[in-house]
Amino acid sequence: MSAPVKATPGAAPEPPTIPPGREVVPGYEVIEHLSRGHALDVYDAWSAVHDARCIVKVVRPDRTGETRTSEALLEEGRLLRDLAHPHLVRAYAVPEEPQVAVVMETLTSDSLESLLDQRTRLRPADVAILGAQVASALRYLHAHGWLHCDVTAGNVLAEGSRAKLIDLSLARQEGADRPGAGTTGYRAPEQETGGWISAATDVWGLGAVLHEATTGRFHDEPPNGWLRSAPWPRRTPQELIDTIDGCLVQDPSERWSLARVTAALTRLAPLR
């Protein structure tokens, strides 16, 4: 039998997940169901092709008829497959039959979100190293014409002094976007209102992540004045404070560039 999934009281029951031992798509045998989102399921799987464990992301069974959802997953998979960077999660394959799937590398590291839940905050040097690496991945995406648009603590994996940016499901090209795209607490002001998104939008997301990593505080309120609601820890370097403040300027045209952010972070802790 397929694994049961808890349903929200009053809502229609959710479809079962694929049980261990069954193939999620041909050649990829389920080890464990990892997570279920609004439209997607994520599995830990064994790849007969690669003779190794991998992560497989597919459309939920109750959403497979939605062309737009499948097309979005296909686009994300192609981006992760075609764009290779040391601090960006890597896709091995993007099968399209019998359904679209994205096969990615297995990463054993925890998300920054999980680490912060356990340790409250990171040391300034660790914040600087992590931030410079995520900025490097963002600059690479931007150079290829793409914005991440969902830089969050949950989308940054951290293992030792190495960070990887994951999840390109909201990746966009520069232009006008719908209001409210992205994750609450990390959205730039122009994402809240549905304005013009640009490289500066990802700078805001990076600043929000660095602020959370430094202070241990997550903010889910609208962005106006949010920095003043969480005091900086003692001995936080002024250059780190200035850098985070520079990322979180309301006007995107006045925010620091990623190049400037990287330079400041590298001065605080050399990029590894």
C-alpha atoms as a PDB file:
ATOM      1  CA  MET A   1       0.000   0.000   0.000  1.00  0.00           C
ATOM      2  CA  SER A   2       0.987   3.616  -0.516  1.00  0.00           C
ATOM      3  CA  ALA A   3       1.930   5.674   2.494  1.00  0.00           C
ATOM      4  CA  PRO A   4      -0.973   7.674   3.984  1.00  0.00           C
ATOM      5  CA  VAL A   5      -0.831  11.459   4.094  1.00  0.00           C
ATOM      6  CA  LYS A   6      -2.643  13.396   6.804  1.00  0.00           C
ATOM      7  CA  ALA A   7      -5.459  15.588   5.553  1.00  0.00           C
ATOM      8  CA  THR A   8      -6.479  18.956   6.938  1.00  0.00           C
ATOM      9  CA  PRO A   9      -9.753  18.670   8.905  1.00  0.00           C
ATOM     10  CA  GLY A  10     -12.658  19.461   6.607  1.00  0.00           C
ATOM     11  CA  ALA A  11     -10.535  19.164   3.470  1.00  0.00           C
ATOM     12  CA  ALA A  12     -10.623  16.414   0.875  1.00  0.00           C
ATOM     13  CA  PRO A  13      -8.262  13.548   1.746  1.00  0.00           C
ATOM     14  CA  GLU A  14      -4.870  13.833   0.127  1.00  0.00           C
ATOM     15  CA  PRO A  15      -3.755  11.142  -2.323  1.00  0.00           C
ATOM     16  CA  PRO A  16      -1.302   8.539  -1.005  1.00  0.00           C
ATOM     17  CA  THR A  17       2.399   8.790  -1.670  1.00  0.00           C
ATOM     18  CA  ILE A  18       4.442   6.152  -3.466  1.00  0.00           C
ATOM     19  CA  PRO A  19       5.686   3.508  -0.997  1.00  0.00           C
ATOM     20  CA  PRO A  20       9.306   2.310  -0.632  1.00  0.00           C
ATOM     21  CA  GLY A  21      10.299  -0.244  -3.250  1.00  0.00           C
ATOM     22  CA  ARG A  22       8.069   1.167  -5.989  1.00  0.00           C
ATOM     23  CA  GLU A  23       9.350   3.335  -8.819  1.00  0.00           C
ATOM     24  CA  VAL A  24       8.456   7.008  -8.742  1.00  0.00           C
ATOM     25  CA  VAL A  25       9.473   7.172 -12.429  1.00  0.00           C
ATOM     26  CA  PRO A  26      11.165   4.382 -14.408  1.00  0.00           C
ATOM     27  CA  GLY A  27      14.653   3.677 -13.100  1.00  0.00           C
ATOM     28  CA  TYR A  28      14.161   5.449  -9.749  1.00  0.00           C
ATOM     29  CA  GLU A  29      12.999   3.320  -6.807  1.00  0.00           C
ATOM     30  CA  VAL A  30      11.550   5.038  -3.752  1.00  0.00           C
ATOM     31  CA  ILE A  31      13.514   4.766  -0.519  1.00  0.00           C
ATOM     32  CA  GLU A  32      11.423   7.285   1.391  1.00  0.00           C
ATOM     33  CA  HIS A  33       8.890  10.039   0.817  1.00  0.00           C
ATOM     34  CA  LEU A  34      10.537  13.213   2.100  1.00  0.00           C
ATOM     35  CA  SER A  35       8.017  16.007   1.753  1.00  0.00           C
ATOM     36  CA  ARG A  36       4.803  17.174   0.127  1.00  0.00           C
ATOM     37  CA  GLY A  37       4.141  20.736  -0.916  1.00  0.00           C
ATOM     38  CA  HIS A  38       1.187  22.488  -2.481  1.00  0.00           C
ATOM     39  CA  ALA A  39       1.904  20.961  -5.898  1.00  0.00           C
ATOM     40  CA  LEU A  40       4.924  18.662  -5.603  1.00  0.00           C
ATOM     41  CA  ASP A  41       6.173  15.513  -3.869  1.00  0.00           C
ATOM     42  CA  VAL A  42       9.846  14.928  -3.064  1.00  0.00           C
ATOM     43  CA  TYR A  43      11.337  11.453  -2.694  1.00  0.00           C
ATOM     44  CA  ASP A  44      14.611   9.934  -1.602  1.00  0.00           C
ATOM     45  CA  ALA A  45      15.221   7.332  -4.311  1.00  0.00           C
ATOM     46  CA  TRP A  46      17.724   4.819  -5.654  1.00  0.00           C
ATOM     47  CA  SER A  47      18.843   5.439  -9.222  1.00  0.00           C
ATOM     48  CA  ALA A  48      19.588   2.331 -11.274  1.00  0.00           C
ATOM     49  CA  VAL A  49      21.114   4.594 -13.923  1.00  0.00           C
ATOM     50  CA  HIS A  50      23.549   6.312 -11.567  1.00  0.00           C
ATOM     51  CA  ASP A  51      23.881   3.415  -9.100  1.00  0.00           C
ATOM     52  CA  ALA A  52      23.416   5.921  -6.297  1.00  0.00           C
ATOM     53  CA  ARG A  53      20.844   7.638  -4.126  1.00  0.00           C
ATOM     54  CA  CYS A  54      19.231  10.793  -5.463  1.00  0.00           C
ATOM     55  CA  ILE A  55      16.343  13.151  -4.847  1.00  0.00           C
ATOM     56  CA  VAL A  56      13.352  12.992  -7.190  1.00  0.00           C
ATOM     57  CA  LYS A  57      10.792  15.794  -7.373  1.00  0.00           C
ATOM     58  CA  VAL A  58       7.463  15.081  -9.119  1.00  0.00           C
ATOM     59  CA  VAL A  59       4.020  16.616  -9.401  1.00  0.00           C
ATOM     60  CA  ARG A  60       1.563  15.378  -6.787  1.00  0.00           C
ATOM     61  CA  PRO A  61      -0.886  12.723  -8.062  1.00  0.00           C
ATOM     62  CA  ASP A  62      -3.835  15.096  -7.684  1.00  0.00           C
ATOM     63  CA  ARG A  63      -2.078  17.835  -9.691  1.00  0.00           C
ATOM     64  CA  THR A  64      -0.745  15.822 -12.654  1.00  0.00           C
ATOM     65  CA  GLY A  65      -3.487  17.111 -14.934  1.00  0.00           C
ATOM     66  CA  GLU A  66      -2.365  20.701 -14.484  1.00  0.00           C
ATOM     67  CA  THR A  67      -0.220  21.581 -17.474  1.00  0.00           C
ATOM     68  CA  ARG A  68       1.128  24.738 -15.878  1.00  0.00           C
ATOM     69  CA  THR A  69       2.426  22.841 -12.839  1.00  0.00           C
ATOM     70  CA  SER A  70       4.225  20.263 -14.970  1.00  0.00           C
ATOM     71  CA  GLU A  71       5.694  22.962 -17.209  1.00  0.00           C
ATOM     72  CA  ALA A  72       7.003  24.878 -14.197  1.00  0.00           C
ATOM     73  CA  LEU A  73       8.695  21.753 -12.830  1.00  0.00           C
ATOM     74  CA  LEU A  74      10.159  21.000 -16.252  1.00  0.00           C
ATOM     75  CA  GLU A  75      11.606  24.512 -16.481  1.00  0.00           C
ATOM     76  CA  GLU A  76      13.110  24.254 -12.998  1.00  0.00           C
ATOM     77  CA  GLY A  77      14.670  20.890 -13.853  1.00  0.00           C
ATOM     78  CA  ARG A  78      16.205  22.155 -17.069  1.00  0.00           C
ATOM     79  CA  LEU A  79      17.697  25.141 -15.265  1.00  0.00           C
ATOM     80  CA  LEU A  80      19.244  22.970 -12.549  1.00  0.00           C
ATOM     81  CA  ARG A  81      20.550  20.539 -15.153  1.00  0.00           C
ATOM     82  CA  ASP A  82      22.028  23.165 -17.467  1.00  0.00           C
ATOM     83  CA  LEU A  83      23.400  25.637 -14.907  1.00  0.00           C
ATOM     84  CA  ALA A  84      26.330  24.157 -12.998  1.00  0.00           C
ATOM     85  CA  HIS A  85      27.803  26.038 -10.035  1.00  0.00           C
ATOM     86  CA  PRO A  86      29.550  24.865  -6.840  1.00  0.00           C
ATOM     87  CA  HIS A  87      26.945  26.557  -4.644  1.00  0.00           C
ATOM     88  CA  LEU A  88      23.843  25.601  -6.623  1.00  0.00           C
ATOM     89  CA  VAL A  89      22.110  22.235  -6.266  1.00  0.00           C
ATOM     90  CA  ARG A  90      22.707  20.019  -9.303  1.00  0.00           C
ATOM     91  CA  ALA A  91      20.136  18.111 -11.368  1.00  0.00           C
ATOM     92  CA  TYR A  92      21.222  14.876 -13.052  1.00  0.00           C
ATOM     93  CA  ALA A  93      18.232  14.279 -15.297  1.00  0.00           C
ATOM     94  CA  VAL A  94      14.798  15.617 -16.205  1.00  0.00           C
ATOM     95  CA  PRO A  95      12.600  12.709 -17.386  1.00  0.00           C
ATOM     96  CA  GLU A  96       9.396  13.766 -19.138  1.00  0.00           C
ATOM     97  CA  GLU A  97       7.652  10.388 -19.481  1.00  0.00           C
ATOM     98  CA  PRO A  98       5.435   9.004 -18.068  1.00  0.00           C
ATOM     99  CA  GLN A  99       5.468  12.277 -16.121  1.00  0.00           C
ATOM    100  CA  VAL A 100       7.839  15.168 -15.563  1.00  0.00           C
ATOM    101  CA  ALA A 101      10.411  14.582 -12.822  1.00  0.00           C
ATOM    102  CA  VAL A 102      13.573  16.323 -11.653  1.00  0.00           C
ATOM    103  CA  VAL A 103      16.371  14.036 -10.469  1.00  0.00           C
ATOM    104  CA  MET A 104      18.845  15.876  -8.229  1.00  0.00           C
ATOM    105  CA  GLU A 105      21.921  15.180  -6.185  1.00  0.00           C
ATOM    106  CA  THR A 106      21.393  13.982  -2.618  1.00  0.00           C
ATOM    107  CA  LEU A 107      22.614  16.552  -0.119  1.00  0.00           C
ATOM    108  CA  THR A 108      23.100  15.387   3.458  1.00  0.00           C
ATOM    109  CA  SER A 109      23.495  18.857   4.930  1.00  0.00           C
ATOM    110  CA  ASP A 110      20.783  20.620   6.933  1.00  0.00           C
ATOM    111  CA  SER A 111      19.004  23.719   5.775  1.00  0.00           C
ATOM    112  CA  LEU A 112      20.071  26.976   7.358  1.00  0.00           C
ATOM    113  CA  GLU A 113      16.544  27.174   8.727  1.00  0.00           C
ATOM    114  CA  SER A 114      17.078  23.904  10.653  1.00  0.00           C
ATOM    115  CA  LEU A 115      20.467  25.002  11.935  1.00  0.00           C
ATOM    116  CA  LEU A 116      19.048  28.274  13.204  1.00  0.00           C
ATOM    117  CA  ASP A 117      16.267  26.397  14.961  1.00  0.00           C
ATOM    118  CA  GLN A 118      18.930  24.402  16.802  1.00  0.00           C
ATOM    119  CA  ARG A 119      21.566  27.059  17.483  1.00  0.00           C
ATOM    120  CA  THR A 120      19.678  30.368  17.438  1.00  0.00           C
ATOM    121  CA  ARG A 121      22.271  32.198  15.298  1.00  0.00           C
ATOM    122  CA  LEU A 122      25.616  31.823  13.536  1.00  0.00           C
ATOM    123  CA  ARG A 123      28.964  33.442  14.259  1.00  0.00           C
ATOM    124  CA  PRO A 124      29.627  36.545  12.135  1.00  0.00           C
ATOM    125  CA  ALA A 125      32.472  34.802  10.271  1.00  0.00           C
ATOM    126  CA  ASP A 126      30.176  31.903   9.366  1.00  0.00           C
ATOM    127  CA  VAL A 127      27.469  34.329   8.243  1.00  0.00           C
ATOM    128  CA  ALA A 128      29.990  36.069   5.996  1.00  0.00           C
ATOM    129  CA  ILE A 129      31.266  32.837   4.424  1.00  0.00           C
ATOM    130  CA  LEU A 130      27.765  31.492   3.826  1.00  0.00           C
ATOM    131  CA  GLY A 131      26.549  34.812   2.462  1.00  0.00           C
ATOM    132  CA  ALA A 132      29.453  35.161   0.039  1.00  0.00           C
ATOM    133  CA  GLN A 133      28.828  31.664  -1.316  1.00  0.00           C
ATOM    134  CA  VAL A 134      25.097  32.236  -1.799  1.00  0.00           C
ATOM    135  CA  ALA A 135      25.873  35.584  -3.435  1.00  0.00           C
ATOM    136  CA  SER A 136      28.235  33.764  -5.811  1.00  0.00           C
ATOM    137  CA  ALA A 137      25.441  31.386  -6.866  1.00  0.00           C
ATOM    138  CA  LEU A 138      23.055  34.317  -7.350  1.00  0.00           C
ATOM    139  CA  ARG A 139      25.558  36.235  -9.475  1.00  0.00           C
ATOM    140  CA  TYR A 140      25.945  33.125 -11.640  1.00  0.00           C
ATOM    141  CA  LEU A 141      22.164  32.838 -12.080  1.00  0.00           C
ATOM    142  CA  HIS A 142      21.894  36.532 -12.925  1.00  0.00           C
ATOM    143  CA  ALA A 143      24.692  36.275 -15.483  1.00  0.00           C
ATOM    144  CA  HIS A 144      22.589  33.627 -17.246  1.00  0.00           C
ATOM    145  CA  GLY A 145      19.459  35.790 -17.213  1.00  0.00           C
ATOM    146  CA  TRP A 146      17.650  34.307 -14.216  1.00  0.00           C
ATOM    147  CA  LEU A 147      16.534  35.533 -10.794  1.00  0.00           C
ATOM    148  CA  HIS A 148      16.018  33.088  -7.921  1.00  0.00           C
ATOM    149  CA  CYS A 149      13.147  35.070  -6.323  1.00  0.00           C
ATOM    150  CA  ASP A 150      12.909  32.841  -3.229  1.00  0.00           C
ATOM    151  CA  VAL A 151      16.144  33.174  -1.266  1.00  0.00           C
ATOM    152  CA  THR A 152      15.201  31.908   2.199  1.00  0.00           C
ATOM    153  CA  ALA A 153      16.867  30.132   5.109  1.00  0.00           C
ATOM    154  CA  GLY A 154      14.968  27.005   4.078  1.00  0.00           C
ATOM    155  CA  ASN A 155      16.430  27.179   0.565  1.00  0.00           C
ATOM    156  CA  VAL A 156      20.045  27.406   1.719  1.00  0.00           C
ATOM    157  CA  LEU A 157      21.754  24.155   2.722  1.00  0.00           C
ATOM    158  CA  ALA A 158      24.773  24.526   4.977  1.00  0.00           C
ATOM    159  CA  GLU A 159      27.344  21.865   5.791  1.00  0.00           C
ATOM    160  CA  GLY A 160      30.433  23.042   7.611  1.00  0.00           C
ATOM    161  CA  SER A 161      31.721  26.049   5.687  1.00  0.00           C
ATOM    162  CA  ARG A 162      29.956  25.131   2.428  1.00  0.00           C
ATOM    163  CA  ALA A 163      26.549  26.410   1.323  1.00  0.00           C
ATOM    164  CA  LYS A 164      24.257  25.377  -1.518  1.00  0.00           C
ATOM    165  CA  LEU A 165      21.261  27.248  -2.860  1.00  0.00           C
ATOM    166  CA  ILE A 166      18.306  25.034  -3.782  1.00  0.00           C
ATOM    167  CA  ASP A 167      14.811  25.299  -5.292  1.00  0.00           C
ATOM    168  CA  LEU A 168      14.437  27.231  -8.533  1.00  0.00           C
ATOM    169  CA  SER A 169      10.671  26.704  -8.640  1.00  0.00           C
ATOM    170  CA  LEU A 170      10.068  30.474  -8.563  1.00  0.00           C
ATOM    171  CA  ALA A 171      12.964  31.435 -10.845  1.00  0.00           C
ATOM    172  CA  ARG A 172      12.014  34.298 -13.145  1.00  0.00           C
ATOM    173  CA  GLN A 173      13.565  36.629 -15.644  1.00  0.00           C
ATOM    174  CA  GLU A 174      13.656  40.339 -14.905  1.00  0.00           C
ATOM    175  CA  GLY A 175      10.286  42.026 -15.355  1.00  0.00           C
ATOM    176  CA  ALA A 176       6.900  42.663 -13.770  1.00  0.00           C
ATOM    177  CA  ASP A 177       5.680  39.939 -11.409  1.00  0.00           C
ATOM    178  CA  ARG A 178       2.455  39.133  -9.607  1.00  0.00           C
ATOM    179  CA  PRO A 179       1.932  40.444  -6.052  1.00  0.00           C
ATOM    180  CA  GLY A 180       2.917  38.120  -3.221  1.00  0.00           C
ATOM    181  CA  ALA A 181       5.288  35.822  -5.115  1.00  0.00           C
ATOM    182  CA  GLY A 182       7.945  34.303  -2.853  1.00  0.00           C
ATOM    183  CA  THR A 183       8.014  33.388   0.833  1.00  0.00           C
ATOM    184  CA  THR A 184       6.512  35.532   3.576  1.00  0.00           C
ATOM    185  CA  GLY A 185       9.228  37.252   5.587  1.00  0.00           C
ATOM    186  CA  TYR A 186      11.775  37.097   2.763  1.00  0.00           C
ATOM    187  CA  ARG A 187       9.875  38.868  -0.014  1.00  0.00           C
ATOM    188  CA  ALA A 188      11.259  42.158  -1.242  1.00  0.00           C
ATOM    189  CA  PRO A 189       8.884  45.159  -1.187  1.00  0.00           C
ATOM    190  CA  GLU A 190       8.470  44.923  -4.976  1.00  0.00           C
ATOM    191  CA  GLN A 191       7.396  41.281  -4.598  1.00  0.00           C
ATOM    192  CA  GLU A 192       4.813  42.249  -1.995  1.00  0.00           C
ATOM    193  CA  THR A 193       3.233  44.790  -4.311  1.00  0.00           C
ATOM    194  CA  GLY A 194       3.777  43.054  -7.635  1.00  0.00           C
ATOM    195  CA  GLY A 195       6.321  45.488  -8.995  1.00  0.00           C
ATOM    196  CA  TRP A 196       9.378  45.143 -11.229  1.00  0.00           C
ATOM    197  CA  ILE A 197      11.709  42.353 -10.083  1.00  0.00           C
ATOM    198  CA  SER A 198      15.430  42.478 -10.781  1.00  0.00           C
ATOM    199  CA  ALA A 199      18.777  41.398  -9.352  1.00  0.00           C
ATOM    200  CA  ALA A 200      18.003  43.730  -6.444  1.00  0.00           C
ATOM    201  CA  THR A 201      15.094  41.443  -5.502  1.00  0.00           C
ATOM    202  CA  ASP A 202      17.510  38.600  -4.772  1.00  0.00           C
ATOM    203  CA  VAL A 203      19.761  41.018  -2.875  1.00  0.00           C
ATOM    204  CA  TRP A 204      16.852  41.667  -0.502  1.00  0.00           C
ATOM    205  CA  GLY A 205      16.299  37.925   0.004  1.00  0.00           C
ATOM    206  CA  LEU A 206      19.981  37.424   0.741  1.00  0.00           C
ATOM    207  CA  GLY A 207      19.909  40.294   3.223  1.00  0.00           C
ATOM    208  CA  ALA A 208      16.894  38.773   4.980  1.00  0.00           C
ATOM    209  CA  VAL A 209      18.719  35.444   5.286  1.00  0.00           C
ATOM    210  CA  LEU A 210      21.888  37.102   6.598  1.00  0.00           C
ATOM    211  CA  HIS A 211      19.860  39.107   9.094  1.00  0.00           C
ATOM    212  CA  GLU A 212      18.153  35.971  10.359  1.00  0.00           C
ATOM    213  CA  ALA A 213      21.456  34.074  10.568  1.00  0.00           C
ATOM    214  CA  THR A 214      23.023  36.932  12.535  1.00  0.00           C
ATOM    215  CA  THR A 215      20.201  37.742  14.954  1.00  0.00           C
ATOM    216  CA  GLY A 216      18.417  34.376  15.153  1.00  0.00           C
ATOM    217  CA  ARG A 217      15.116  36.121  14.480  1.00  0.00           C
ATOM    218  CA  PHE A 218      12.674  35.297  11.692  1.00  0.00           C
ATOM    219  CA  HIS A 219      10.352  38.082  10.603  1.00  0.00           C
ATOM    220  CA  ASP A 220       7.016  37.359   9.000  1.00  0.00           C
ATOM    221  CA  GLU A 221       5.616  40.870   9.241  1.00  0.00           C
ATOM    222  CA  PRO A 222       5.678  43.360   6.348  1.00  0.00           C
ATOM    223  CA  PRO A 223       9.188  44.669   5.754  1.00  0.00           C
ATOM    224  CA  ASN A 224       8.786  48.288   6.876  1.00  0.00           C
ATOM    225  CA  GLY A 225      11.069  48.897   9.842  1.00  0.00           C
ATOM    226  CA  TRP A 226      11.711  45.210  10.459  1.00  0.00           C
ATOM    227  CA  LEU A 227      15.448  45.540  11.195  1.00  0.00           C
ATOM    228  CA  ARG A 228      14.772  47.716  14.212  1.00  0.00           C
ATOM    229  CA  SER A 229      12.590  45.009  15.781  1.00  0.00           C
ATOM    230  CA  ALA A 230      15.579  42.656  16.327  1.00  0.00           C
ATOM    231  CA  PRO A 231      18.687  43.971  18.103  1.00  0.00           C
ATOM    232  CA  TRP A 232      22.103  43.062  16.776  1.00  0.00           C
ATOM    233  CA  PRO A 233      24.049  40.645  18.969  1.00  0.00           C
ATOM    234  CA  ARG A 234      27.022  42.083  20.828  1.00  0.00           C
ATOM    235  CA  ARG A 235      30.289  42.091  18.872  1.00  0.00           C
ATOM    236  CA  THR A 236      28.520  41.993  15.502  1.00  0.00           C
ATOM    237  CA  PRO A 237      31.020  43.693  13.149  1.00  0.00           C
ATOM    238  CA  GLN A 238      29.824  47.051  11.917  1.00  0.00           C
ATOM    239  CA  GLU A 239      30.697  46.088   8.348  1.00  0.00           C
ATOM    240  CA  LEU A 240      28.338  43.098   8.563  1.00  0.00           C
ATOM    241  CA  ILE A 241      25.563  45.324   9.918  1.00  0.00           C
ATOM    242  CA  ASP A 242      26.176  47.854   7.135  1.00  0.00           C
ATOM    243  CA  THR A 243      26.122  45.106   4.504  1.00  0.00           C
ATOM    244  CA  ILE A 244      22.836  43.655   5.710  1.00  0.00           C
ATOM    245  CA  ASP A 245      21.343  47.140   5.954  1.00  0.00           C
ATOM    246  CA  GLY A 246      22.535  47.769   2.383  1.00  0.00           C
ATOM    247  CA  CYS A 247      20.680  44.691   1.188  1.00  0.00           C
ATOM    248  CA  LEU A 248      17.458  45.706   2.919  1.00  0.00           C
ATOM    249  CA  VAL A 249      16.927  49.168   1.480  1.00  0.00           C
ATOM    250  CA  GLN A 250      13.295  49.683   0.506  1.00  0.00           C
ATOM    251  CA  ASP A 251      14.077  51.237  -2.882  1.00  0.00           C
ATOM    252  CA  PRO A 252      15.597  48.514  -5.099  1.00  0.00           C
ATOM    253  CA  SER A 253      17.593  51.089  -7.053  1.00  0.00           C
ATOM    254  CA  GLU A 254      19.382  52.054  -3.819  1.00  0.00           C
ATOM    255  CA  ARG A 255      20.220  48.526  -2.617  1.00  0.00           C
ATOM    256  CA  TRP A 256      23.767  47.299  -2.695  1.00  0.00           C
ATOM    257  CA  SER A 257      24.821  45.263  -5.713  1.00  0.00           C
ATOM    258  CA  LEU A 258      25.775  41.613  -5.258  1.00  0.00           C
ATOM    259  CA  ALA A 259      29.351  42.527  -6.197  1.00  0.00           C
ATOM    260  CA  ARG A 260      29.497  45.051  -3.363  1.00  0.00           C
ATOM    261  CA  VAL A 261      27.893  42.596  -0.931  1.00  0.00           C
ATOM    262  CA  THR A 262      30.393  39.886  -1.895  1.00  0.00           C
ATOM    263  CA  ALA A 263      33.353  42.236  -1.478  1.00  0.00           C
ATOM    264  CA  ALA A 264      32.232  43.235   2.020  1.00  0.00           C
ATOM    265  CA  LEU A 265      31.521  39.660   3.106  1.00  0.00           C
ATOM    266  CA  THR A 266      34.875  38.459   1.772  1.00  0.00           C
ATOM    267  CA  ARG A 267      36.673  41.110   3.790  1.00  0.00           C
ATOM    268  CA  LEU A 268      34.912  39.795   6.902  1.00  0.00           C
ATOM    269  CA  ALA A 269      35.841  36.163   6.174  1.00  0.00           C
ATOM    270  CA  PRO A 270      37.774  35.050   3.076  1.00  0.00           C
ATOM    271  CA  LEU A 271      35.643  33.072   0.630  1.00  0.00           C
ATOM    272  CA  ARG A 272      36.453  29.363   0.725  1.00  0.00           C
END
